[in-house]
Amino acid sequence: MLNTLKQASRNISREIGRAWENLSDGWRELLSRSNESLTHFSRNKAEEEAAHSMLASFPRWSLLAGEVEETDKELVVRVELPGMQKEDCHITIEGNTLYLSGEKRFERETNESTYHVMERAYGSFQRTIALPRNVDTDRAVASYRNGVLMVRLPKGGAESSKTIAVS
């Protein structure tokens, strides 16, 4: 009986160790992959007062997941911006850095409800994405579809600055 209890204790300890290792690996991967995509959303006083401080309890940080893909001719930047309109996105390129700013507005269908889960952030934000090389800002184009902003940046060109309209 004592040997059975010792064996069960070792098995439980081993399984807890495995679970902890898996959890730790998951957190490390999440942090390493999302390091740059963690974005702060800020709200002005008027917005918070208008919402009777309801927005004050909402998250101020959210992930704006993105990717930078390189082909022979261009860099393609994609950023997930669900719940936004293209008019709320602003893109500026300065040298080898793409600056994405905008505002995700809080909209509520009714004031007769209570939130039990709120994981979405609202407000103004700015996201910075480092580009691996110079791009031709004069030929850059941006589009927004299905909640994904895509910016096509032809390679080459001298270091310059430009604001790009989103179509």
C-alpha atoms as a PDB file:
ATOM      1  CA  MET A   1       0.000   0.000   0.000  1.00  0.00           C
ATOM      2  CA  LEU A   2       2.811   2.424   0.911  1.00  0.00           C
ATOM      3  CA  ASN A   3       4.608   1.695  -2.383  1.00  0.00           C
ATOM      4  CA  THR A   4       1.390   2.369  -4.292  1.00  0.00           C
ATOM      5  CA  LEU A   5       0.989   5.743  -2.577  1.00  0.00           C
ATOM      6  CA  LYS A   6       4.630   6.654  -3.277  1.00  0.00           C
ATOM      7  CA  GLN A   7       4.228   5.693  -6.947  1.00  0.00           C
ATOM      8  CA  ALA A   8       0.994   7.701  -7.212  1.00  0.00           C
ATOM      9  CA  SER A   9       2.727  10.686  -5.603  1.00  0.00           C
ATOM     10  CA  ARG A  10       5.604  10.469  -8.118  1.00  0.00           C
ATOM     11  CA  ASN A  11       3.141  10.218 -11.023  1.00  0.00           C
ATOM     12  CA  ILE A  12       1.168  13.219  -9.804  1.00  0.00           C
ATOM     13  CA  SER A  13       4.373  15.238  -9.325  1.00  0.00           C
ATOM     14  CA  ARG A  14       5.564  14.311 -12.823  1.00  0.00           C
ATOM     15  CA  GLU A  15       2.225  15.298 -14.410  1.00  0.00           C
ATOM     16  CA  ILE A  16       2.134  18.601 -12.511  1.00  0.00           C
ATOM     17  CA  GLY A  17       5.685  19.292 -13.712  1.00  0.00           C
ATOM     18  CA  ARG A  18       4.682  18.583 -17.324  1.00  0.00           C
ATOM     19  CA  ALA A  19       1.611  20.802 -17.060  1.00  0.00           C
ATOM     20  CA  TRP A  20       3.677  23.629 -15.576  1.00  0.00           C
ATOM     21  CA  GLU A  21       6.307  23.238 -18.318  1.00  0.00           C
ATOM     22  CA  ASN A  22       3.613  23.385 -21.037  1.00  0.00           C
ATOM     23  CA  LEU A  23       2.035  26.440 -19.441  1.00  0.00           C
ATOM     24  CA  SER A  24       5.421  28.148 -19.131  1.00  0.00           C
ATOM     25  CA  ASP A  25       6.258  27.340 -22.768  1.00  0.00           C
ATOM     26  CA  GLY A  26       2.922  28.770 -23.895  1.00  0.00           C
ATOM     27  CA  TRP A  27       3.437  32.012 -21.990  1.00  0.00           C
ATOM     28  CA  ARG A  28       7.006  32.376 -23.280  1.00  0.00           C
ATOM     29  CA  GLU A  29       5.839  31.895 -26.868  1.00  0.00           C
ATOM     30  CA  LEU A  30       2.935  34.302 -26.421  1.00  0.00           C
ATOM     31  CA  LEU A  31       5.213  36.964 -24.964  1.00  0.00           C
ATOM     32  CA  SER A  32       7.938  36.541 -27.579  1.00  0.00           C
ATOM     33  CA  ARG A  33       5.541  36.542 -30.530  1.00  0.00           C
ATOM     34  CA  SER A  34       3.322  39.335 -29.285  1.00  0.00           C
ATOM     35  CA  ASN A  35       6.014  41.571 -27.832  1.00  0.00           C
ATOM     36  CA  GLU A  36       5.640  44.244 -30.519  1.00  0.00           C
ATOM     37  CA  SER A  37       1.916  43.777 -31.100  1.00  0.00           C
ATOM     38  CA  LEU A  38       0.874  44.633 -27.554  1.00  0.00           C
ATOM     39  CA  THR A  39      -0.613  48.077 -28.089  1.00  0.00           C
ATOM     40  CA  HIS A  40      -1.809  50.727 -25.635  1.00  0.00           C
ATOM     41  CA  PHE A  41      -5.217  52.291 -26.269  1.00  0.00           C
ATOM     42  CA  SER A  42      -5.807  55.692 -24.683  1.00  0.00           C
ATOM     43  CA  ARG A  43      -9.020  57.615 -24.142  1.00  0.00           C
ATOM     44  CA  ASN A  44      -9.557  61.277 -23.526  1.00  0.00           C
ATOM     45  CA  LYS A  45     -11.478  62.597 -20.525  1.00  0.00           C
ATOM     46  CA  ALA A  46     -14.548  63.498 -22.569  1.00  0.00           C
ATOM     47  CA  GLU A  47     -14.914  59.913 -23.833  1.00  0.00           C
ATOM     48  CA  GLU A  48     -14.705  58.461 -20.350  1.00  0.00           C
ATOM     49  CA  GLU A  49     -17.154  61.005 -18.904  1.00  0.00           C
ATOM     50  CA  ALA A  50     -19.582  60.425 -21.781  1.00  0.00           C
ATOM     51  CA  ALA A  51     -19.579  56.713 -21.014  1.00  0.00           C
ATOM     52  CA  HIS A  52     -20.101  57.410 -17.287  1.00  0.00           C
ATOM     53  CA  SER A  53     -16.744  55.836 -16.533  1.00  0.00           C
ATOM     54  CA  MET A  54     -17.869  52.505 -17.986  1.00  0.00           C
ATOM     55  CA  LEU A  55     -14.930  52.608 -20.413  1.00  0.00           C
ATOM     56  CA  ALA A  56     -12.563  53.210 -17.518  1.00  0.00           C
ATOM     57  CA  SER A  57     -12.955  49.578 -16.514  1.00  0.00           C
ATOM     58  CA  PHE A  58     -12.345  48.292 -20.057  1.00  0.00           C
ATOM     59  CA  PRO A  59      -8.891  47.058 -21.095  1.00  0.00           C
ATOM     60  CA  ARG A  60      -6.363  49.666 -22.158  1.00  0.00           C
ATOM     61  CA  TRP A  61      -4.028  47.150 -23.810  1.00  0.00           C
ATOM     62  CA  SER A  62      -4.751  44.824 -26.708  1.00  0.00           C
ATOM     63  CA  LEU A  63      -2.943  42.829 -29.356  1.00  0.00           C
ATOM     64  CA  LEU A  64      -2.825  44.237 -32.877  1.00  0.00           C
ATOM     65  CA  ALA A  65      -1.347  41.148 -34.471  1.00  0.00           C
ATOM     66  CA  GLY A  66       0.668  41.742 -37.598  1.00  0.00           C
ATOM     67  CA  GLU A  67       3.215  40.337 -39.997  1.00  0.00           C
ATOM     68  CA  VAL A  68       5.847  41.658 -42.367  1.00  0.00           C
ATOM     69  CA  GLU A  69       6.376  39.517 -45.458  1.00  0.00           C
ATOM     70  CA  GLU A  70       9.192  40.100 -47.943  1.00  0.00           C
ATOM     71  CA  THR A  71       9.173  39.102 -51.610  1.00  0.00           C
ATOM     72  CA  ASP A  72      11.747  39.865 -54.304  1.00  0.00           C
ATOM     73  CA  LYS A  73      10.018  43.154 -55.113  1.00  0.00           C
ATOM     74  CA  GLU A  74       8.194  44.376 -52.016  1.00  0.00           C
ATOM     75  CA  LEU A  75       7.435  44.251 -48.325  1.00  0.00           C
ATOM     76  CA  VAL A  76       3.856  43.425 -47.383  1.00  0.00           C
ATOM     77  CA  VAL A  77       2.676  44.470 -43.931  1.00  0.00           C
ATOM     78  CA  ARG A  78      -0.596  43.070 -42.602  1.00  0.00           C
ATOM     79  CA  VAL A  79      -2.160  44.103 -39.297  1.00  0.00           C
ATOM     80  CA  GLU A  80      -5.408  42.796 -37.828  1.00  0.00           C
ATOM     81  CA  LEU A  81      -7.715  45.689 -36.892  1.00  0.00           C
ATOM     82  CA  PRO A  82     -11.130  44.107 -36.281  1.00  0.00           C
ATOM     83  CA  GLY A  83     -14.020  46.417 -35.609  1.00  0.00           C
ATOM     84  CA  MET A  84     -12.428  49.444 -37.253  1.00  0.00           C
ATOM     85  CA  GLN A  85     -13.239  51.443 -40.345  1.00  0.00           C
ATOM     86  CA  LYS A  86     -10.548  52.255 -42.909  1.00  0.00           C
ATOM     87  CA  GLU A  87     -11.137  55.963 -42.275  1.00  0.00           C
ATOM     88  CA  ASP A  88      -9.933  55.436 -38.698  1.00  0.00           C
ATOM     89  CA  CYS A  89      -6.498  54.147 -39.812  1.00  0.00           C
ATOM     90  CA  HIS A  90      -3.541  56.431 -40.512  1.00  0.00           C
ATOM     91  CA  ILE A  91      -0.209  55.235 -41.893  1.00  0.00           C
ATOM     92  CA  THR A  92       3.063  57.124 -41.977  1.00  0.00           C
ATOM     93  CA  ILE A  93       6.433  55.811 -43.057  1.00  0.00           C
ATOM     94  CA  GLU A  94       9.598  57.478 -41.820  1.00  0.00           C
ATOM     95  CA  GLY A  95      12.791  55.817 -42.981  1.00  0.00           C
ATOM     96  CA  ASN A  96      12.593  52.130 -42.106  1.00  0.00           C
ATOM     97  CA  THR A  97       9.677  52.516 -39.708  1.00  0.00           C
ATOM     98  CA  LEU A  98       5.968  52.225 -40.394  1.00  0.00           C
ATOM     99  CA  TYR A  99       3.717  54.067 -37.938  1.00  0.00           C
ATOM    100  CA  LEU A 100       0.116  52.939 -37.731  1.00  0.00           C
ATOM    101  CA  SER A 101      -2.273  55.029 -35.687  1.00  0.00           C
ATOM    102  CA  GLY A 102      -5.986  55.190 -35.382  1.00  0.00           C
ATOM    103  CA  GLU A 103      -8.980  54.948 -33.155  1.00  0.00           C
ATOM    104  CA  LYS A 104     -11.186  52.029 -32.281  1.00  0.00           C
ATOM    105  CA  ARG A 105     -14.521  53.457 -31.207  1.00  0.00           C
ATOM    106  CA  PHE A 106     -16.766  51.917 -28.580  1.00  0.00           C
ATOM    107  CA  GLU A 107     -20.305  51.418 -29.830  1.00  0.00           C
ATOM    108  CA  ARG A 108     -23.101  50.020 -27.740  1.00  0.00           C
ATOM    109  CA  GLU A 109     -26.502  48.969 -29.011  1.00  0.00           C
ATOM    110  CA  THR A 110     -28.230  49.489 -25.694  1.00  0.00           C
ATOM    111  CA  ASN A 111     -27.530  50.807 -22.224  1.00  0.00           C
ATOM    112  CA  GLU A 112     -29.857  48.142 -20.816  1.00  0.00           C
ATOM    113  CA  SER A 113     -27.159  45.473 -20.580  1.00  0.00           C
ATOM    114  CA  THR A 114     -24.306  44.354 -18.362  1.00  0.00           C
ATOM    115  CA  TYR A 115     -20.911  43.166 -19.580  1.00  0.00           C
ATOM    116  CA  HIS A 116     -19.602  39.980 -17.998  1.00  0.00           C
ATOM    117  CA  VAL A 117     -16.496  39.649 -20.195  1.00  0.00           C
ATOM    118  CA  MET A 118     -14.641  42.577 -21.763  1.00  0.00           C
ATOM    119  CA  GLU A 119     -11.363  41.783 -23.491  1.00  0.00           C
ATOM    120  CA  ARG A 120     -11.474  44.348 -26.293  1.00  0.00           C
ATOM    121  CA  ALA A 121      -9.725  47.688 -25.926  1.00  0.00           C
ATOM    122  CA  TYR A 122     -11.078  50.955 -27.310  1.00  0.00           C
ATOM    123  CA  GLY A 123      -9.583  54.370 -27.909  1.00  0.00           C
ATOM    124  CA  SER A 124      -6.679  55.891 -29.793  1.00  0.00           C
ATOM    125  CA  PHE A 125      -3.547  53.858 -30.473  1.00  0.00           C
ATOM    126  CA  GLN A 126      -0.210  53.947 -32.248  1.00  0.00           C
ATOM    127  CA  ARG A 127       1.704  50.886 -33.385  1.00  0.00           C
ATOM    128  CA  THR A 128       5.285  51.007 -34.663  1.00  0.00           C
ATOM    129  CA  ILE A 129       6.588  48.370 -37.080  1.00  0.00           C
ATOM    130  CA  ALA A 130      10.258  48.197 -37.999  1.00  0.00           C
ATOM    131  CA  LEU A 131      10.882  47.502 -41.694  1.00  0.00           C
ATOM    132  CA  PRO A 132      13.911  45.405 -42.698  1.00  0.00           C
ATOM    133  CA  ARG A 133      14.944  47.790 -45.515  1.00  0.00           C
ATOM    134  CA  ASN A 134      14.206  51.058 -47.297  1.00  0.00           C
ATOM    135  CA  VAL A 135      11.018  51.211 -49.314  1.00  0.00           C
ATOM    136  CA  ASP A 136       9.742  53.382 -52.164  1.00  0.00           C
ATOM    137  CA  THR A 137       7.152  55.441 -50.279  1.00  0.00           C
ATOM    138  CA  ASP A 138       5.893  57.073 -53.502  1.00  0.00           C
ATOM    139  CA  ARG A 139       4.613  53.714 -54.783  1.00  0.00           C
ATOM    140  CA  ALA A 140       3.304  52.407 -51.446  1.00  0.00           C
ATOM    141  CA  VAL A 141      -0.386  51.480 -51.272  1.00  0.00           C
ATOM    142  CA  ALA A 142      -2.648  50.429 -48.426  1.00  0.00           C
ATOM    143  CA  SER A 143      -5.983  48.624 -48.395  1.00  0.00           C
ATOM    144  CA  TYR A 144      -8.372  47.457 -45.705  1.00  0.00           C
ATOM    145  CA  ARG A 145     -10.613  44.439 -46.031  1.00  0.00           C
ATOM    146  CA  ASN A 146     -12.267  42.017 -43.601  1.00  0.00           C
ATOM    147  CA  GLY A 147     -10.599  43.657 -40.601  1.00  0.00           C
ATOM    148  CA  VAL A 148      -7.066  43.380 -42.016  1.00  0.00           C
ATOM    149  CA  LEU A 149      -4.993  46.376 -43.063  1.00  0.00           C
ATOM    150  CA  MET A 150      -2.518  45.518 -45.832  1.00  0.00           C
ATOM    151  CA  VAL A 151       0.298  47.875 -46.817  1.00  0.00           C
ATOM    152  CA  ARG A 152       2.347  47.068 -49.942  1.00  0.00           C
ATOM    153  CA  LEU A 153       5.754  48.711 -49.921  1.00  0.00           C
ATOM    154  CA  PRO A 154       7.947  48.331 -53.030  1.00  0.00           C
ATOM    155  CA  LYS A 155      11.603  47.832 -52.111  1.00  0.00           C
ATOM    156  CA  GLY A 156      14.235  50.453 -52.792  1.00  0.00           C
ATOM    157  CA  GLY A 157      14.222  54.171 -52.660  1.00  0.00           C
ATOM    158  CA  ALA A 158      16.055  56.529 -50.380  1.00  0.00           C
ATOM    159  CA  GLU A 159      15.068  57.066 -46.788  1.00  0.00           C
ATOM    160  CA  SER A 160      12.017  59.313 -46.861  1.00  0.00           C
ATOM    161  CA  SER A 161       8.770  60.107 -45.086  1.00  0.00           C
ATOM    162  CA  LYS A 162       5.226  59.858 -46.353  1.00  0.00           C
ATOM    163  CA  THR A 163       1.636  59.428 -45.197  1.00  0.00           C
ATOM    164  CA  ILE A 164      -0.289  56.750 -47.073  1.00  0.00           C
ATOM    165  CA  ALA A 165      -4.051  56.838 -47.654  1.00  0.00           C
ATOM    166  CA  VAL A 166      -5.989  53.622 -46.993  1.00  0.00           C
ATOM    167  CA  SER A 167      -8.290  52.505 -49.785  1.00  0.00           C
END
